[in-house]
N, C-alpha and C. Protein backbone atom coordinates (compact mmCIF):
# COMPACT_ATOMS: atom_id res chain seq x y z
N MET A 1 -43.72 24.55 -20.13
CA MET A 1 -44.72 24.29 -21.15
C MET A 1 -46.10 24.45 -20.53
N THR A 2 -46.95 25.24 -21.11
CA THR A 2 -48.30 25.42 -20.61
C THR A 2 -49.27 24.60 -21.43
N SER A 3 -50.24 24.03 -20.76
CA SER A 3 -51.26 23.24 -21.43
C SER A 3 -52.40 24.14 -21.85
N THR A 4 -53.02 23.79 -22.96
CA THR A 4 -54.18 24.52 -23.42
C THR A 4 -55.37 24.11 -22.57
N LYS A 5 -56.05 25.07 -22.03
CA LYS A 5 -57.25 24.78 -21.24
C LYS A 5 -58.42 24.70 -22.19
N ASN A 6 -58.84 23.47 -22.46
CA ASN A 6 -59.91 23.30 -23.43
C ASN A 6 -61.02 22.37 -22.92
N ARG A 7 -61.09 22.19 -21.61
CA ARG A 7 -62.13 21.36 -21.01
C ARG A 7 -62.92 22.20 -20.00
N ARG A 8 -64.21 21.85 -19.82
CA ARG A 8 -65.06 22.61 -18.92
C ARG A 8 -65.68 21.69 -17.88
N ILE A 9 -65.96 22.26 -16.73
CA ILE A 9 -66.79 21.62 -15.72
C ILE A 9 -67.86 22.66 -15.37
N ASP A 10 -69.11 22.29 -15.52
CA ASP A 10 -70.20 23.19 -15.16
C ASP A 10 -70.70 22.80 -13.78
N LEU A 11 -70.86 23.78 -12.92
CA LEU A 11 -71.31 23.55 -11.56
C LEU A 11 -72.57 24.33 -11.27
N ARG A 12 -73.44 23.76 -10.50
CA ARG A 12 -74.62 24.48 -10.01
C ARG A 12 -74.34 24.84 -8.56
N LEU A 13 -74.47 26.11 -8.25
CA LEU A 13 -74.18 26.62 -6.92
C LEU A 13 -75.36 27.39 -6.38
N THR A 14 -75.40 27.47 -5.07
CA THR A 14 -76.37 28.40 -4.46
C THR A 14 -75.77 29.80 -4.58
N GLU A 15 -76.60 30.79 -4.43
CA GLU A 15 -76.10 32.16 -4.49
C GLU A 15 -75.04 32.42 -3.41
N PRO A 16 -75.25 31.97 -2.16
CA PRO A 16 -74.21 32.18 -1.15
C PRO A 16 -72.89 31.49 -1.48
N GLN A 17 -72.94 30.30 -2.06
CA GLN A 17 -71.71 29.61 -2.46
C GLN A 17 -70.97 30.41 -3.52
N LYS A 18 -71.72 30.88 -4.52
CA LYS A 18 -71.12 31.65 -5.61
C LYS A 18 -70.48 32.93 -5.07
N GLU A 19 -71.19 33.62 -4.20
CA GLU A 19 -70.66 34.87 -3.63
C GLU A 19 -69.41 34.61 -2.80
N LEU A 20 -69.42 33.54 -2.03
CA LEU A 20 -68.26 33.19 -1.21
C LEU A 20 -67.04 32.92 -2.07
N ILE A 21 -67.23 32.14 -3.12
CA ILE A 21 -66.11 31.82 -4.03
C ILE A 21 -65.61 33.07 -4.73
N GLU A 22 -66.52 33.90 -5.20
CA GLU A 22 -66.11 35.14 -5.86
C GLU A 22 -65.35 36.06 -4.90
N GLU A 23 -65.81 36.15 -3.67
CA GLU A 23 -65.11 37.00 -2.69
C GLU A 23 -63.71 36.47 -2.40
N ALA A 24 -63.61 35.14 -2.20
CA ALA A 24 -62.29 34.55 -1.92
C ALA A 24 -61.34 34.74 -3.10
N ALA A 25 -61.85 34.56 -4.29
CA ALA A 25 -61.01 34.75 -5.48
C ALA A 25 -60.53 36.20 -5.56
N ALA A 26 -61.44 37.13 -5.33
CA ALA A 26 -61.08 38.56 -5.38
C ALA A 26 -60.04 38.90 -4.31
N LEU A 27 -60.22 38.36 -3.11
CA LEU A 27 -59.27 38.65 -2.02
C LEU A 27 -57.87 38.14 -2.33
N THR A 28 -57.77 37.08 -3.13
CA THR A 28 -56.46 36.54 -3.49
C THR A 28 -55.96 37.10 -4.82
N GLY A 29 -56.75 37.99 -5.44
CA GLY A 29 -56.33 38.59 -6.70
C GLY A 29 -56.34 37.62 -7.86
N ARG A 30 -57.22 36.66 -7.80
CA ARG A 30 -57.28 35.65 -8.86
C ARG A 30 -58.67 35.63 -9.47
N THR A 31 -58.75 35.04 -10.63
CA THR A 31 -60.06 34.86 -11.25
C THR A 31 -60.78 33.72 -10.54
N VAL A 32 -62.09 33.68 -10.69
CA VAL A 32 -62.87 32.59 -10.11
C VAL A 32 -62.42 31.26 -10.70
N THR A 33 -62.16 31.25 -11.99
CA THR A 33 -61.69 30.02 -12.63
C THR A 33 -60.37 29.55 -12.03
N ASP A 34 -59.40 30.46 -11.92
CA ASP A 34 -58.10 30.09 -11.37
C ASP A 34 -58.23 29.64 -9.92
N PHE A 35 -58.97 30.40 -9.13
CA PHE A 35 -59.17 30.06 -7.73
C PHE A 35 -59.85 28.69 -7.58
N SER A 36 -60.91 28.47 -8.34
CA SER A 36 -61.67 27.22 -8.26
C SER A 36 -60.86 26.03 -8.75
N THR A 37 -60.15 26.22 -9.85
CA THR A 37 -59.33 25.13 -10.39
C THR A 37 -58.27 24.71 -9.40
N ASP A 38 -57.62 25.69 -8.78
CA ASP A 38 -56.60 25.38 -7.79
C ASP A 38 -57.19 24.64 -6.60
N ALA A 39 -58.31 25.12 -6.08
CA ALA A 39 -58.94 24.49 -4.91
C ALA A 39 -59.41 23.07 -5.25
N LEU A 40 -60.04 22.89 -6.38
CA LEU A 40 -60.52 21.57 -6.77
C LEU A 40 -59.36 20.59 -7.00
N THR A 41 -58.30 21.08 -7.63
CA THR A 41 -57.15 20.22 -7.89
C THR A 41 -56.47 19.80 -6.60
N ARG A 42 -56.29 20.74 -5.66
CA ARG A 42 -55.69 20.40 -4.36
C ARG A 42 -56.53 19.36 -3.63
N GLU A 43 -57.83 19.55 -3.62
CA GLU A 43 -58.72 18.61 -2.93
C GLU A 43 -58.69 17.24 -3.61
N ALA A 44 -58.66 17.21 -4.94
CA ALA A 44 -58.60 15.94 -5.67
C ALA A 44 -57.31 15.19 -5.33
N HIS A 45 -56.19 15.90 -5.30
CA HIS A 45 -54.92 15.26 -4.94
C HIS A 45 -54.98 14.68 -3.53
N GLU A 46 -55.58 15.42 -2.61
CA GLU A 46 -55.68 14.97 -1.22
C GLU A 46 -56.55 13.73 -1.10
N VAL A 47 -57.68 13.71 -1.77
CA VAL A 47 -58.57 12.55 -1.73
C VAL A 47 -57.86 11.33 -2.29
N ILE A 48 -57.19 11.48 -3.41
CA ILE A 48 -56.47 10.36 -4.03
C ILE A 48 -55.35 9.89 -3.13
N ARG A 49 -54.61 10.82 -2.51
CA ARG A 49 -53.52 10.44 -1.59
C ARG A 49 -54.07 9.63 -0.43
N ARG A 50 -55.15 10.11 0.18
CA ARG A 50 -55.74 9.40 1.33
C ARG A 50 -56.21 8.00 0.95
N GLU A 51 -56.82 7.87 -0.22
CA GLU A 51 -57.35 6.59 -0.64
C GLU A 51 -56.26 5.59 -1.01
N ARG A 52 -55.11 6.08 -1.44
CA ARG A 52 -54.02 5.19 -1.83
C ARG A 52 -53.08 4.84 -0.68
N MET A 53 -53.23 5.53 0.43
CA MET A 53 -52.35 5.30 1.57
C MET A 53 -52.73 4.00 2.26
N LEU A 54 -51.74 3.19 2.55
CA LEU A 54 -51.95 1.95 3.28
C LEU A 54 -51.85 2.26 4.76
N ARG A 55 -52.91 1.97 5.51
CA ARG A 55 -52.91 2.27 6.93
C ARG A 55 -53.09 0.98 7.72
N VAL A 56 -52.19 0.75 8.65
CA VAL A 56 -52.31 -0.40 9.55
C VAL A 56 -51.97 0.07 10.96
N ASP A 57 -52.52 -0.63 11.93
CA ASP A 57 -52.18 -0.27 13.31
C ASP A 57 -50.79 -0.81 13.64
N ALA A 58 -50.25 -0.38 14.77
CA ALA A 58 -48.88 -0.73 15.15
C ALA A 58 -48.69 -2.24 15.28
N GLU A 59 -49.68 -2.93 15.83
CA GLU A 59 -49.56 -4.38 16.01
C GLU A 59 -49.48 -5.09 14.66
N ALA A 60 -50.32 -4.72 13.73
CA ALA A 60 -50.31 -5.33 12.40
C ALA A 60 -49.00 -5.01 11.67
N PHE A 61 -48.52 -3.77 11.81
CA PHE A 61 -47.26 -3.40 11.16
C PHE A 61 -46.11 -4.21 11.74
N ASP A 62 -46.06 -4.37 13.06
CA ASP A 62 -45.00 -5.15 13.70
C ASP A 62 -45.01 -6.60 13.23
N ALA A 63 -46.21 -7.18 13.09
CA ALA A 63 -46.32 -8.55 12.59
C ALA A 63 -45.83 -8.64 11.15
N PHE A 64 -46.19 -7.67 10.33
CA PHE A 64 -45.74 -7.63 8.94
C PHE A 64 -44.22 -7.50 8.86
N ALA A 65 -43.65 -6.59 9.67
CA ALA A 65 -42.21 -6.39 9.67
C ALA A 65 -41.49 -7.65 10.13
N ALA A 66 -42.06 -8.35 11.11
CA ALA A 66 -41.44 -9.60 11.59
C ALA A 66 -41.41 -10.65 10.48
N GLU A 67 -42.47 -10.71 9.68
CA GLU A 67 -42.48 -11.66 8.55
C GLU A 67 -41.41 -11.30 7.53
N LEU A 68 -41.24 -10.03 7.28
CA LEU A 68 -40.21 -9.60 6.32
C LEU A 68 -38.81 -9.91 6.83
N ASP A 69 -38.63 -9.85 8.14
CA ASP A 69 -37.31 -10.10 8.73
C ASP A 69 -36.96 -11.57 8.84
N ARG A 70 -37.96 -12.45 8.71
CA ARG A 70 -37.68 -13.89 8.80
C ARG A 70 -36.81 -14.32 7.62
N PRO A 71 -35.90 -15.29 7.85
CA PRO A 71 -35.09 -15.80 6.74
C PRO A 71 -35.98 -16.48 5.69
N ALA A 72 -35.56 -16.40 4.46
CA ALA A 72 -36.30 -17.04 3.37
C ALA A 72 -36.29 -18.55 3.54
N GLU A 73 -37.39 -19.18 3.14
CA GLU A 73 -37.48 -20.64 3.21
C GLU A 73 -37.50 -21.20 1.80
N SER A 74 -36.92 -22.36 1.65
CA SER A 74 -36.94 -23.03 0.35
C SER A 74 -38.32 -23.62 0.13
N ILE A 75 -38.85 -23.46 -1.06
CA ILE A 75 -40.16 -24.01 -1.41
C ILE A 75 -39.92 -25.11 -2.43
N ASP A 76 -40.32 -26.34 -2.03
CA ASP A 76 -40.11 -27.50 -2.91
C ASP A 76 -40.72 -27.26 -4.28
N GLY A 77 -39.94 -27.51 -5.30
CA GLY A 77 -40.42 -27.42 -6.66
C GLY A 77 -40.38 -26.04 -7.28
N LEU A 78 -40.11 -25.00 -6.49
CA LEU A 78 -40.13 -23.65 -7.04
C LEU A 78 -39.00 -23.43 -8.05
N ALA A 79 -37.80 -23.91 -7.71
CA ALA A 79 -36.66 -23.72 -8.63
C ALA A 79 -36.93 -24.40 -9.97
N SER A 80 -37.46 -25.62 -9.95
CA SER A 80 -37.72 -26.31 -11.22
C SER A 80 -38.87 -25.64 -11.98
N LEU A 81 -39.85 -25.13 -11.25
CA LEU A 81 -40.96 -24.43 -11.90
C LEU A 81 -40.45 -23.19 -12.65
N LEU A 82 -39.55 -22.45 -12.03
CA LEU A 82 -39.03 -21.24 -12.66
C LEU A 82 -38.12 -21.54 -13.85
N LYS A 83 -37.62 -22.76 -13.94
CA LYS A 83 -36.76 -23.12 -15.07
C LYS A 83 -37.55 -23.62 -16.27
N ARG A 84 -38.82 -23.94 -16.10
CA ARG A 84 -39.65 -24.43 -17.20
C ARG A 84 -39.94 -23.30 -18.20
N PRO A 85 -40.16 -23.67 -19.45
CA PRO A 85 -40.57 -22.66 -20.44
C PRO A 85 -41.94 -22.08 -20.05
N SER A 86 -42.14 -20.84 -20.38
CA SER A 86 -43.39 -20.16 -20.06
C SER A 86 -44.55 -20.74 -20.85
N VAL A 87 -45.70 -20.80 -20.25
CA VAL A 87 -46.91 -21.26 -20.96
C VAL A 87 -47.54 -20.09 -21.72
N PHE A 88 -47.09 -18.89 -21.43
CA PHE A 88 -47.61 -17.70 -22.10
C PHE A 88 -46.82 -17.45 -23.37
N VAL A 89 -47.52 -17.17 -24.45
CA VAL A 89 -46.90 -16.95 -25.74
C VAL A 89 -47.06 -15.49 -26.11
N ASP A 90 -46.00 -14.85 -26.57
CA ASP A 90 -46.07 -13.43 -26.98
C ASP A 90 -46.86 -13.28 -28.24
């Protein structure tokens, strides 16, 4: 299924930027629109991926993993709290 392309992004470029993009598009046999859309979309995905990635150093990860490996502890009152009717009403 193909989507209808009905949105625009207007960009202001220097002449050298425009020429560079046009040359790259021509070398790949693509239109400037197709070339630019692909490049912008790839970069957007990469930025979003980097920003959503959780990064910790080895020491912090080892401490986190150790906490996950610890046996569960009973928390006083938790079982009775979970058995109470919800205070939230649909």
